[in-house]
């Protein structure tokens, strides 16, 4: 199964967040076909979660599915640290997408995405 284009996946994710009662905005548009997608989840208390592309899985069930992993080995980080990490990623990959979710509970809504 082929993976969805980044622009289509992002549009579906933003809509999914809205339907689930979350607040999500596109902060940066990347390459439409295959730009890497990063998700910053602001907990609205000075901390956030930062998710980026997970390393490719070895499981055949993951073929075509976007997977995300924390960008640090901690659950949350200060917003300033996340912004610094995002700047470094942009220096490396100018085609990336950045979505920002505001959710006090830290929900990422990824469990609602099919592909």
PDB file of N, CA and C in Angstrom:
ATOM      1  N   UNK A   1       0.843  -1.177   0.000  1.00  0.00           N
ATOM      2  CA  UNK A   1       0.000   0.000   0.000  1.00  0.00           C
ATOM      3  C   UNK A   1       0.892   1.246   0.000  1.00  0.00           C
ATOM      4  N   UNK A   2       0.624   2.164  -0.898  1.00  0.00           N
ATOM      5  CA  UNK A   2       1.383   3.401  -0.978  1.00  0.00           C
ATOM      6  C   UNK A   2       0.962   4.350   0.139  1.00  0.00           C
ATOM      7  N   UNK A   3       1.912   5.130   0.599  1.00  0.00           N
ATOM      8  CA  UNK A   3       1.624   6.091   1.658  1.00  0.00           C
ATOM      9  C   UNK A   3       0.964   7.329   1.057  1.00  0.00           C
ATOM     10  N   UNK A   4       0.008   7.903   1.799  1.00  0.00           N
ATOM     11  CA  UNK A   4      -0.660   9.130   1.362  1.00  0.00           C
ATOM     12  C   UNK A   4       0.347  10.261   1.205  1.00  0.00           C
ATOM     13  N   UNK A   5       0.079  11.129   0.242  1.00  0.00           N
ATOM     14  CA  UNK A   5       0.891  12.331   0.096  1.00  0.00           C
ATOM     15  C   UNK A   5       0.802  13.136   1.387  1.00  0.00           C
ATOM     16  N   UNK A   6       1.852  13.867   1.691  1.00  0.00           N
ATOM     17  CA  UNK A   6       1.884  14.656   2.921  1.00  0.00           C
ATOM     18  C   UNK A   6       0.761  15.678   2.982  1.00  0.00           C
ATOM     19  N   UNK A   7       0.481  16.364   1.866  1.00  0.00           N
ATOM     20  CA  UNK A   7      -0.558  17.391   1.903  1.00  0.00           C
ATOM     21  C   UNK A   7      -1.938  16.798   2.195  1.00  0.00           C
ATOM     22  N   UNK A   8      -2.213  15.641   1.662  1.00  0.00           N
ATOM     23  CA  UNK A   8      -3.505  14.985   1.916  1.00  0.00           C
ATOM     24  C   UNK A   8      -3.573  14.501   3.361  1.00  0.00           C
ATOM     25  N   UNK A   9      -2.485  13.904   3.853  1.00  0.00           N
ATOM     26  CA  UNK A   9      -2.461  13.414   5.231  1.00  0.00           C
ATOM     27  C   UNK A   9      -2.659  14.572   6.211  1.00  0.00           C
ATOM     28  N   UNK A  10      -1.967  15.690   5.982  1.00  0.00           N
ATOM     29  CA  UNK A  10      -2.079  16.847   6.880  1.00  0.00           C
ATOM     30  C   UNK A  10      -3.500  17.390   6.884  1.00  0.00           C
ATOM     31  N   UNK A  11      -4.111  17.514   5.723  1.00  0.00           N
ATOM     32  CA  UNK A  11      -5.489  18.002   5.657  1.00  0.00           C
ATOM     33  C   UNK A  11      -6.426  17.084   6.448  1.00  0.00           C
ATOM     34  N   UNK A  12      -6.251  15.779   6.302  1.00  0.00           N
ATOM     35  CA  UNK A  12      -7.080  14.819   7.035  1.00  0.00           C
ATOM     36  C   UNK A  12      -6.822  14.913   8.541  1.00  0.00           C
ATOM     37  N   UNK A  13      -5.563  15.082   8.930  1.00  0.00           N
ATOM     38  CA  UNK A  13      -5.228  15.185  10.345  1.00  0.00           C
ATOM     39  C   UNK A  13      -5.852  16.438  10.964  1.00  0.00           C
ATOM     40  N   UNK A  14      -5.741  17.569  10.277  1.00  0.00           N
ATOM     41  CA  UNK A  14      -6.326  18.804  10.795  1.00  0.00           C
ATOM     42  C   UNK A  14      -7.837  18.646  10.976  1.00  0.00           C
ATOM     43  N   UNK A  15      -8.481  18.018  10.026  1.00  0.00           N
ATOM     44  CA  UNK A  15      -9.923  17.780  10.108  1.00  0.00           C
ATOM     45  C   UNK A  15     -10.252  16.817  11.251  1.00  0.00           C
ATOM     46  N   UNK A  16      -9.436  15.791  11.419  1.00  0.00           N
ATOM     47  CA  UNK A  16      -9.625  14.824  12.505  1.00  0.00           C
ATOM     48  C   UNK A  16      -9.539  15.518  13.861  1.00  0.00           C
ATOM     49  N   UNK A  17      -8.551  16.384  14.037  1.00  0.00           N
ATOM     50  CA  UNK A  17      -8.417  17.123  15.294  1.00  0.00           C
ATOM     51  C   UNK A  17      -9.644  17.975  15.558  1.00  0.00           C
ATOM     52  N   UNK A  18     -10.126  18.645  14.520  1.00  0.00           N
ATOM     53  CA  UNK A  18     -11.307  19.497  14.655  1.00  0.00           C
ATOM     54  C   UNK A  18     -12.531  18.690  15.078  1.00  0.00           C
ATOM     55  N   UNK A  19     -12.735  17.560  14.422  1.00  0.00           N
ATOM     56  CA  UNK A  19     -13.887  16.708  14.743  1.00  0.00           C
ATOM     57  C   UNK A  19     -13.809  16.190  16.180  1.00  0.00           C
ATOM     58  N   UNK A  20     -12.591  15.907  16.651  1.00  0.00           N
ATOM     59  CA  UNK A  20     -12.400  15.381  18.002  1.00  0.00           C
ATOM     60  C   UNK A  20     -12.427  16.470  19.074  1.00  0.00           C
ATOM     61  N   UNK A  21     -12.605  17.715  18.654  1.00  0.00           N
ATOM     62  CA  UNK A  21     -12.686  18.802  19.623  1.00  0.00           C
ATOM     63  C   UNK A  21     -11.356  19.442  19.937  1.00  0.00           C
ATOM     64  N   UNK A  22     -10.326  19.125  19.174  1.00  0.00           N
ATOM     65  CA  UNK A  22      -9.012  19.712  19.375  1.00  0.00           C
ATOM     66  C   UNK A  22      -8.824  20.956  18.535  1.00  0.00           C
ATOM     67  N   UNK A  23      -7.786  21.686  18.859  1.00  0.00           N
ATOM     68  CA  UNK A  23      -7.441  22.888  18.108  1.00  0.00           C
ATOM     69  C   UNK A  23      -6.087  22.647  17.442  1.00  0.00           C
ATOM     70  N   UNK A  24      -6.068  22.605  16.117  1.00  0.00           N
ATOM     71  CA  UNK A  24      -4.830  22.354  15.387  1.00  0.00           C
ATOM     72  C   UNK A  24      -4.720  23.330  14.222  1.00  0.00           C
ATOM     73  N   UNK A  25      -3.512  23.819  13.997  1.00  0.00           N
ATOM     74  CA  UNK A  25      -3.256  24.726  12.879  1.00  0.00           C
ATOM     75  C   UNK A  25      -1.999  24.281  12.146  1.00  0.00           C
ATOM     76  N   UNK A  26      -1.968  24.608  10.881  1.00  0.00           N
ATOM     77  CA  UNK A  26      -0.781  24.340  10.068  1.00  0.00           C
ATOM     78  C   UNK A  26       0.141  25.541  10.198  1.00  0.00           C
ATOM     79  N   UNK A  27       1.302  25.351  10.821  1.00  0.00           N
ATOM     80  CA  UNK A  27       2.260  26.443  10.986  1.00  0.00           C
ATOM     81  C   UNK A  27       3.203  26.554   9.806  1.00  0.00           C
ATOM     82  N   UNK A  28       3.473  25.433   9.132  1.00  0.00           N
ATOM     83  CA  UNK A  28       4.405  25.461   8.004  1.00  0.00           C
ATOM     84  C   UNK A  28       4.029  24.399   7.003  1.00  0.00           C
ATOM     85  N   UNK A  29       3.903  24.828   5.759  1.00  0.00           N
ATOM     86  CA  UNK A  29       3.596  23.909   4.654  1.00  0.00           C
ATOM     87  C   UNK A  29       4.917  23.430   4.059  1.00  0.00           C
ATOM     88  N   UNK A  30       5.022  22.116   3.891  1.00  0.00           N
ATOM     89  CA  UNK A  30       6.225  21.525   3.330  1.00  0.00           C
ATOM     90  C   UNK A  30       5.986  20.996   1.929  1.00  0.00           C
ATOM     91  N   UNK A  31       6.821  20.072   1.529  1.00  0.00           N
ATOM     92  CA  UNK A  31       6.701  19.460   0.205  1.00  0.00           C
ATOM     93  C   UNK A  31       5.422  18.630   0.148  1.00  0.00           C
ATOM     94  N   UNK A  32       4.609  18.869  -0.875  1.00  0.00           N
ATOM     95  CA  UNK A  32       3.287  18.239  -0.970  1.00  0.00           C
ATOM     96  C   UNK A  32       3.360  16.723  -1.045  1.00  0.00           C
ATOM     97  N   UNK A  33       4.291  16.196  -1.789  1.00  0.00           N
ATOM     98  CA  UNK A  33       4.313  14.758  -2.033  1.00  0.00           C
ATOM     99  C   UNK A  33       4.873  13.954  -0.861  1.00  0.00           C
ATOM    100  N   UNK A  34       5.969  14.411  -0.279  1.00  0.00           N
ATOM    101  CA  UNK A  34       6.623  13.547   0.709  1.00  0.00           C
ATOM    102  C   UNK A  34       7.367  14.301   1.799  1.00  0.00           C
ATOM    103  N   UNK A  35       6.957  15.518   2.116  1.00  0.00           N
ATOM    104  CA  UNK A  35       7.627  16.250   3.183  1.00  0.00           C
ATOM    105  C   UNK A  35       7.410  15.583   4.533  1.00  0.00           C
ATOM    106  N   UNK A  36       8.452  15.607   5.369  1.00  0.00           N
ATOM    107  CA  UNK A  36       8.337  15.056   6.719  1.00  0.00           C
ATOM    108  C   UNK A  36       7.357  15.899   7.527  1.00  0.00           C
ATOM    109  N   UNK A  37       6.603  15.254   8.404  1.00  0.00           N
ATOM    110  CA  UNK A  37       5.580  15.939   9.195  1.00  0.00           C
ATOM    111  C   UNK A  37       5.973  15.907  10.669  1.00  0.00           C
ATOM    112  N   UNK A  38       5.934  17.082  11.293  1.00  0.00           N
ATOM    113  CA  UNK A  38       6.200  17.213  12.724  1.00  0.00           C
ATOM    114  C   UNK A  38       4.948  17.772  13.383  1.00  0.00           C
ATOM    115  N   UNK A  39       4.673  17.295  14.591  1.00  0.00           N
ATOM    116  CA  UNK A  39       3.493  17.735  15.332  1.00  0.00           C
ATOM    117  C   UNK A  39       3.948  18.235  16.705  1.00  0.00           C
ATOM    118  N   UNK A  40       3.666  19.508  16.971  1.00  0.00           N
ATOM    119  CA  UNK A  40       3.948  20.099  18.283  1.00  0.00           C
ATOM    120  C   UNK A  40       2.628  20.189  19.027  1.00  0.00           C
ATOM    121  N   UNK A  41       2.565  19.596  20.207  1.00  0.00           N
ATOM    122  CA  UNK A  41       1.352  19.618  21.018  1.00  0.00           C
ATOM    123  C   UNK A  41       1.619  20.506  22.227  1.00  0.00           C
ATOM    124  N   UNK A  42       1.051  21.696  22.189  1.00  0.00           N
ATOM    125  CA  UNK A  42       1.242  22.676  23.258  1.00  0.00           C
ATOM    126  C   UNK A  42       0.253  22.383  24.373  1.00  0.00           C
ATOM    127  N   UNK A  43       0.773  22.168  25.589  1.00  0.00           N
ATOM    128  CA  UNK A  43      -0.068  21.873  26.747  1.00  0.00           C
ATOM    129  C   UNK A  43      -0.603  23.137  27.413  1.00  0.00           C
ATOM    130  N   UNK A  44      -0.243  24.298  26.868  1.00  0.00           N
ATOM    131  CA  UNK A  44      -0.740  25.593  27.317  1.00  0.00           C
ATOM    132  C   UNK A  44      -0.324  25.934  28.741  1.00  0.00           C
ATOM    133  N   UNK A  45       0.799  25.352  29.185  1.00  0.00           N
ATOM    134  CA  UNK A  45       1.331  25.638  30.523  1.00  0.00           C
ATOM    135  C   UNK A  45       2.841  25.835  30.465  1.00  0.00           C
ATOM    136  N   UNK A  46       3.365  26.103  29.263  1.00  0.00           N
ATOM    137  CA  UNK A  46       4.808  26.287  29.101  1.00  0.00           C
ATOM    138  C   UNK A  46       5.534  25.046  28.627  1.00  0.00           C
ATOM    139  N   UNK A  47       4.846  23.907  28.608  1.00  0.00           N
ATOM    140  CA  UNK A  47       5.435  22.657  28.143  1.00  0.00           C
ATOM    141  C   UNK A  47       4.707  22.170  26.903  1.00  0.00           C
ATOM    142  N   UNK A  48       5.368  21.271  26.187  1.00  0.00           N
ATOM    143  CA  UNK A  48       4.740  20.706  24.996  1.00  0.00           C
ATOM    144  C   UNK A  48       5.322  19.324  24.721  1.00  0.00           C
ATOM    145  N   UNK A  49       4.703  18.660  23.770  1.00  0.00           N
ATOM    146  CA  UNK A  49       5.223  17.403  23.230  1.00  0.00           C
ATOM    147  C   UNK A  49       5.606  17.695  21.789  1.00  0.00           C
ATOM    148  N   UNK A  50       6.695  17.089  21.313  1.00  0.00           N
ATOM    149  CA  UNK A  50       7.100  17.260  19.930  1.00  0.00           C
ATOM    150  C   UNK A  50       7.276  15.885  19.310  1.00  0.00           C
ATOM    151  N   UNK A  51       6.478  15.623  18.280  1.00  0.00           N
ATOM    152  CA  UNK A  51       6.516  14.342  17.595  1.00  0.00           C
ATOM    153  C   UNK A  51       7.057  14.537  16.184  1.00  0.00           C
ATOM    154  N   UNK A  52       7.869  13.589  15.748  1.00  0.00           N
ATOM    155  CA  UNK A  52       8.401  13.615  14.396  1.00  0.00           C
ATOM    156  C   UNK A  52       8.297  12.238  13.780  1.00  0.00           C
ATOM    157  N   UNK A  53       8.740  12.111  12.541  1.00  0.00           N
ATOM    158  CA  UNK A  53       8.659  10.816  11.867  1.00  0.00           C
ATOM    159  C   UNK A  53       9.412   9.732  12.646  1.00  0.00           C
ATOM    160  N   UNK A  54       8.761   8.610  12.850  1.00  0.00           N
ATOM    161  CA  UNK A  54       9.397   7.479  13.529  1.00  0.00           C
ATOM    162  C   UNK A  54      10.287   6.754  12.530  1.00  0.00           C
ATOM    163  N   UNK A  55      11.319   6.091  13.020  1.00  0.00           N
ATOM    164  CA  UNK A  55      12.142   5.288  12.113  1.00  0.00           C
ATOM    165  C   UNK A  55      11.275   4.233  11.432  1.00  0.00           C
ATOM    166  N   UNK A  56      11.609   3.866  10.210  1.00  0.00           N
ATOM    167  CA  UNK A  56      10.806   2.849   9.511  1.00  0.00           C
ATOM    168  C   UNK A  56      10.699   1.573  10.338  1.00  0.00           C
ATOM    169  N   UNK A  57       9.484   1.016  10.393  1.00  0.00           N
ATOM    170  CA  UNK A  57       9.250  -0.210  11.152  1.00  0.00           C
ATOM    171  C   UNK A  57       9.637  -1.442  10.364  1.00  0.00           C
ATOM    172  N   UNK A  58       9.841  -2.507  11.070  1.00  0.00           N
ATOM    173  CA  UNK A  58      10.169  -3.773  10.433  1.00  0.00           C
ATOM    174  C   UNK A  58       8.927  -4.611  10.180  1.00  0.00           C
ATOM    175  N   UNK A  59       7.811  -4.164  10.727  1.00  0.00           N
ATOM    176  CA  UNK A  59       6.563  -4.906  10.633  1.00  0.00           C
ATOM    177  C   UNK A  59       5.858  -4.601   9.317  1.00  0.00           C
ATOM    178  N   UNK A  60       5.457  -5.627   8.579  1.00  0.00           N
ATOM    179  CA  UNK A  60       4.771  -5.444   7.296  1.00  0.00           C
ATOM    180  C   UNK A  60       3.456  -4.679   7.439  1.00  0.00           C
ATOM    181  N   UNK A  61       2.849  -4.715   8.620  1.00  0.00           N
ATOM    182  CA  UNK A  61       1.585  -4.017   8.820  1.00  0.00           C
ATOM    183  C   UNK A  61       1.753  -2.508   8.761  1.00  0.00           C
ATOM    184  N   UNK A  62       2.977  -2.014   8.951  1.00  0.00           N
ATOM    185  CA  UNK A  62       3.217  -0.578   8.960  1.00  0.00           C
ATOM    186  C   UNK A  62       3.509  -0.006   7.576  1.00  0.00           C
ATOM    187  N   UNK A  63       3.537  -0.828   6.553  1.00  0.00           N
ATOM    188  CA  UNK A  63       3.830  -0.342   5.211  1.00  0.00           C
ATOM    189  C   UNK A  63       2.760   0.666   4.800  1.00  0.00           C
ATOM    190  N   UNK A  64       3.196   1.856   4.411  1.00  0.00           N
ATOM    191  CA  UNK A  64       2.269   2.887   3.971  1.00  0.00           C
ATOM    192  C   UNK A  64       1.660   3.716   5.082  1.00  0.00           C
ATOM    193  N   UNK A  65       1.882   3.367   6.322  1.00  0.00           N
ATOM    194  CA  UNK A  65       1.283   4.084   7.454  1.00  0.00           C
ATOM    195  C   UNK A  65       2.304   5.041   8.062  1.00  0.00           C
ATOM    196  N   UNK A  66       1.888   6.264   8.324  1.00  0.00           N
ATOM    197  CA  UNK A  66       2.776   7.233   8.982  1.00  0.00           C
ATOM    198  C   UNK A  66       2.802   6.939  10.476  1.00  0.00           C
ATOM    199  N   UNK A  67       3.998   6.859  10.992  1.00  0.00           N
ATOM    200  CA  UNK A  67       4.182   6.635  12.421  1.00  0.00           C
ATOM    201  C   UNK A  67       4.985   7.797  12.988  1.00  0.00           C
ATOM    202  N   UNK A  68       4.699   8.156  14.238  1.00  0.00           N
ATOM    203  CA  UNK A  68       5.363   9.282  14.878  1.00  0.00           C
ATOM    204  C   UNK A  68       5.991   8.835  16.187  1.00  0.00           C
ATOM    205  N   UNK A  69       7.061   9.529  16.562  1.00  0.00           N
ATOM    206  CA  UNK A  69       7.770   9.231  17.806  1.00  0.00           C
ATOM    207  C   UNK A  69       8.165  10.543  18.464  1.00  0.00           C
ATOM    208  N   UNK A  70       8.280  10.548  19.793  1.00  0.00           N
ATOM    209  CA  UNK A  70       8.750  11.755  20.488  1.00  0.00           C
ATOM    210  C   UNK A  70      10.143  12.147  19.994  1.00  0.00           C
ATOM    211  N   UNK A  71      10.394  13.440  19.896  1.00  0.00           N
ATOM    212  CA  UNK A  71      11.689  13.925  19.424  1.00  0.00           C
ATOM    213  C   UNK A  71      12.752  13.934  20.523  1.00  0.00           C
ATOM    214  N   UNK A  72      12.351  13.652  21.741  1.00  0.00           N
ATOM    215  CA  UNK A  72      13.283  13.496  22.863  1.00  0.00           C
ATOM    216  C   UNK A  72      12.828  12.302  23.683  1.00  0.00           C
ATOM    217  N   UNK A  73      13.684  11.865  24.554  1.00  0.00           N
ATOM    218  CA  UNK A  73      13.359  10.712  25.394  1.00  0.00           C
ATOM    219  C   UNK A  73      12.586  11.109  26.646  1.00  0.00           C
ATOM    220  N   UNK A  74      11.854  12.209  26.564  1.00  0.00           N
ATOM    221  CA  UNK A  74      11.020  12.661  27.683  1.00  0.00           C
ATOM    222  C   UNK A  74       9.611  12.875  27.163  1.00  0.00           C
ATOM    223  N   UNK A  75       8.648  12.812  28.045  1.00  0.00           N
ATOM    224  CA  UNK A  75       7.247  12.982  27.641  1.00  0.00           C
ATOM    225  C   UNK A  75       6.967  14.415  27.195  1.00  0.00           C
ATOM    226  N   UNK A  76       7.428  15.400  27.971  1.00  0.00           N
ATOM    227  CA  UNK A  76       7.212  16.804  27.618  1.00  0.00           C
ATOM    228  C   UNK A  76       8.522  17.567  27.689  1.00  0.00           C
ATOM    229  N   UNK A  77       8.525  18.744  27.084  1.00  0.00           N
ATOM    230  CA  UNK A  77       9.693  19.613  27.118  1.00  0.00           C
ATOM    231  C   UNK A  77       9.223  21.059  27.131  1.00  0.00           C
ATOM    232  N   UNK A  78      10.088  21.977  27.563  1.00  0.00           N
ATOM    233  CA  UNK A  78       9.704  23.387  27.497  1.00  0.00           C
ATOM    234  C   UNK A  78       9.458  23.803  26.042  1.00  0.00           C
ATOM    235  N   UNK A  79       8.509  24.702  25.845  1.00  0.00           N
ATOM    236  CA  UNK A  79       8.177  25.169  24.499  1.00  0.00           C
ATOM    237  C   UNK A  79       9.413  25.726  23.805  1.00  0.00           C
ATOM    238  N   UNK A  80      10.252  26.464  24.526  1.00  0.00           N
ATOM    239  CA  UNK A  80      11.458  27.054  23.926  1.00  0.00           C
ATOM    240  C   UNK A  80      12.389  25.970  23.375  1.00  0.00           C
ATOM    241  N   UNK A  81      12.513  24.851  24.082  1.00  0.00           N
ATOM    242  CA  UNK A  81      13.349  23.737  23.601  1.00  0.00           C
ATOM    243  C   UNK A  81      12.772  23.130  22.326  1.00  0.00           C
ATOM    244  N   UNK A  82      11.451  23.009  22.279  1.00  0.00           N
ATOM    245  CA  UNK A  82      10.804  22.458  21.092  1.00  0.00           C
ATOM    246  C   UNK A  82      11.007  23.385  19.895  1.00  0.00           C
ATOM    247  N   UNK A  83      10.867  24.684  20.108  1.00  0.00           N
ATOM    248  CA  UNK A  83      11.064  25.641  19.016  1.00  0.00           C
ATOM    249  C   UNK A  83      12.505  25.600  18.507  1.00  0.00           C
ATOM    250  N   UNK A  84      13.452  25.428  19.416  1.00  0.00           N
ATOM    251  CA  UNK A  84      14.853  25.305  19.013  1.00  0.00           C
ATOM    252  C   UNK A  84      15.055  24.041  18.171  1.00  0.00           C
ATOM    253  N   UNK A  85      14.456  22.950  18.591  1.00  0.00           N
ATOM    254  CA  UNK A  85      14.566  21.701  17.834  1.00  0.00           C
ATOM    255  C   UNK A  85      13.937  21.844  16.446  1.00  0.00           C
ATOM    256  N   UNK A  86      12.809  22.519  16.374  1.00  0.00           N
ATOM    257  CA  UNK A  86      12.145  22.748  15.091  1.00  0.00           C
ATOM    258  C   UNK A  86      13.047  23.570  14.169  1.00  0.00           C
ATOM    259  N   UNK A  87      13.690  24.619  14.700  1.00  0.00           N
ATOM    260  CA  UNK A  87      14.618  25.427  13.895  1.00  0.00           C
ATOM    261  C   UNK A  87      15.756  24.580  13.344  1.00  0.00           C
ATOM    262  N   UNK A  88      16.291  23.695  14.181  1.00  0.00           N
ATOM    263  CA  UNK A  88      17.385  22.813  13.722  1.00  0.00           C
ATOM    264  C   UNK A  88      16.898  21.878  12.630  1.00  0.00           C
ATOM    265  N   UNK A  89      15.703  21.333  12.787  1.00  0.00           N
ATOM    266  CA  UNK A  89      15.150  20.441  11.758  1.00  0.00           C
ATOM    267  C   UNK A  89      14.939  21.197  10.449  1.00  0.00           C
ATOM    268  N   UNK A  90      14.475  22.446  10.536  1.00  0.00           N
ATOM    269  CA  UNK A  90      14.270  23.257   9.335  1.00  0.00           C
ATOM    270  C   UNK A  90      15.585  23.545   8.617  1.00  0.00           C
ATOM    271  N   UNK A  91      16.660  23.715   9.370  1.00  0.00           N
ATOM    272  CA  UNK A  91      17.972  23.918   8.745  1.00  0.00           C
ATOM    273  C   UNK A  91      18.404  22.685   7.972  1.00  0.00           C
ATOM    274  N   UNK A  92      17.989  21.535   8.440  1.00  0.00           N
ATOM    275  CA  UNK A  92      18.340  20.264   7.803  1.00  0.00           C
ATOM    276  C   UNK A  92      17.376  19.914   6.675  1.00  0.00           C
ATOM    277  N   UNK A  93      16.088  20.190   6.870  1.00  0.00           N
ATOM    278  CA  UNK A  93      15.049  19.804   5.906  1.00  0.00           C
ATOM    279  C   UNK A  93      14.048  20.944   5.735  1.00  0.00           C
ATOM    280  N   UNK A  94      14.224  21.734   4.697  1.00  0.00           N
ATOM    281  CA  UNK A  94      13.347  22.887   4.483  1.00  0.00           C
ATOM    282  C   UNK A  94      11.983  22.490   3.914  1.00  0.00           C
ATOM    283  N   UNK A  95      11.778  21.209   3.613  1.00  0.00           N
ATOM    284  CA  UNK A  95      10.508  20.733   3.051  1.00  0.00           C
ATOM    285  C   UNK A  95       9.561  20.165   4.093  1.00  0.00           C
ATOM    286  N   UNK A  96       9.873  20.331   5.382  1.00  0.00           N
ATOM    287  CA  UNK A  96       9.034  19.708   6.400  1.00  0.00           C
ATOM    288  C   UNK A  96       7.741  20.477   6.650  1.00  0.00           C
ATOM    289  N   UNK A  97       6.767  19.763   7.154  1.00  0.00           N
ATOM    290  CA  UNK A  97       5.473  20.306   7.565  1.00  0.00           C
ATOM    291  C   UNK A  97       5.492  20.446   9.082  1.00  0.00           C
ATOM    292  N   UNK A  98       4.839  21.478   9.606  1.00  0.00           N
ATOM    293  CA  UNK A  98       4.721  21.637  11.054  1.00  0.00           C
ATOM    294  C   UNK A  98       3.271  21.937  11.405  1.00  0.00           C
ATOM    295  N   UNK A  99       2.720  21.076  12.233  1.00  0.00           N
ATOM    296  CA  UNK A  99       1.358  21.241  12.733  1.00  0.00           C
ATOM    297  C   UNK A  99       1.454  21.542  14.217  1.00  0.00           C
ATOM    298  N   UNK A 100       0.660  22.497  14.681  1.00  0.00           N
ATOM    299  CA  UNK A 100       0.623  22.781  16.113  1.00  0.00           C
ATOM    300  C   UNK A 100      -0.774  22.505  16.645  1.00  0.00           C
ATOM    301  N   UNK A 101      -0.817  21.682  17.677  1.00  0.00           N
ATOM    302  CA  UNK A 101      -2.053  21.314  18.354  1.00  0.00           C
ATOM    303  C   UNK A 101      -2.024  21.949  19.739  1.00  0.00           C
ATOM    304  N   UNK A 102      -3.122  22.532  20.160  1.00  0.00           N
ATOM    305  CA  UNK A 102      -3.242  23.039  21.520  1.00  0.00           C
ATOM    306  C   UNK A 102      -4.211  22.126  22.265  1.00  0.00           C
ATOM    307  N   UNK A 103      -3.698  21.482  23.314  1.00  0.00           N
ATOM    308  CA  UNK A 103      -4.542  20.563  24.072  1.00  0.00           C
ATOM    309  C   UNK A 103      -3.952  20.388  25.463  1.00  0.00           C
ATOM    310  N   UNK A 104      -4.651  20.821  26.475  1.00  0.00           N
ATOM    311  CA  UNK A 104      -4.159  20.741  27.861  1.00  0.00           C
ATOM    312  C   UNK A 104      -3.880  19.306  28.299  1.00  0.00           C
ATOM    313  N   UNK A 105      -4.576  18.353  27.707  1.00  0.00           N
ATOM    314  CA  UNK A 105      -4.376  16.944  28.053  1.00  0.00           C
ATOM    315  C   UNK A 105      -3.221  16.313  27.278  1.00  0.00           C
ATOM    316  N   UNK A 106      -2.684  17.012  26.296  1.00  0.00           N
ATOM    317  CA  UNK A 106      -1.560  16.495  25.522  1.00  0.00           C
ATOM    318  C   UNK A 106      -1.943  15.453  24.491  1.00  0.00           C
ATOM    319  N   UNK A 107      -3.222  15.424  24.103  1.00  0.00           N
ATOM    320  CA  UNK A 107      -3.666  14.425  23.124  1.00  0.00           C
ATOM    321  C   UNK A 107      -3.094  14.756  21.745  1.00  0.00           C
ATOM    322  N   UNK A 108      -2.715  13.704  21.018  1.00  0.00           N
ATOM    323  CA  UNK A 108      -2.183  13.907  19.668  1.00  0.00           C
ATOM    324  C   UNK A 108      -3.181  13.551  18.584  1.00  0.00           C
ATOM    325  N   UNK A 109      -4.250  12.846  18.914  1.00  0.00           N
ATOM    326  CA  UNK A 109      -5.331  12.464  18.005  1.00  0.00           C
ATOM    327  C   UNK A 109      -4.876  11.510  16.894  1.00  0.00           C
ATOM    328  N   UNK A 110      -3.672  10.990  16.982  1.00  0.00           N
ATOM    329  CA  UNK A 110      -3.157  10.091  15.949  1.00  0.00           C
ATOM    330  C   UNK A 110      -3.881   8.750  15.931  1.00  0.00           C
ATOM    331  N   UNK A 111      -4.437   8.354  17.061  1.00  0.00           N
ATOM    332  CA  UNK A 111      -5.158   7.084  17.116  1.00  0.00           C
ATOM    333  C   UNK A 111      -6.418   7.110  16.248  1.00  0.00           C
ATOM    334  N   UNK A 112      -6.850   8.293  15.860  1.00  0.00           N
ATOM    335  CA  UNK A 112      -8.042   8.432  15.017  1.00  0.00           C
ATOM    336  C   UNK A 112      -7.716   8.419  13.528  1.00  0.00           C
ATOM    337  N   UNK A 113      -6.432   8.399  13.200  1.00  0.00           N
ATOM    338  CA  UNK A 113      -6.022   8.404  11.796  1.00  0.00           C
ATOM    339  C   UNK A 113      -5.872   6.970  11.302  1.00  0.00           C
ATOM    340  N   UNK A 114      -6.353   6.705  10.122  1.00  0.00           N
ATOM    341  CA  UNK A 114      -6.302   5.358   9.547  1.00  0.00           C
ATOM    342  C   UNK A 114      -5.010   5.092   8.792  1.00  0.00           C
ATOM    343  N   UNK A 115      -4.470   6.083   8.116  1.00  0.00           N
ATOM    344  CA  UNK A 115      -3.312   5.815   7.267  1.00  0.00           C
ATOM    345  C   UNK A 115      -2.369   6.922   7.195  1.00  0.00           C
TER     346      UNK A 115
END
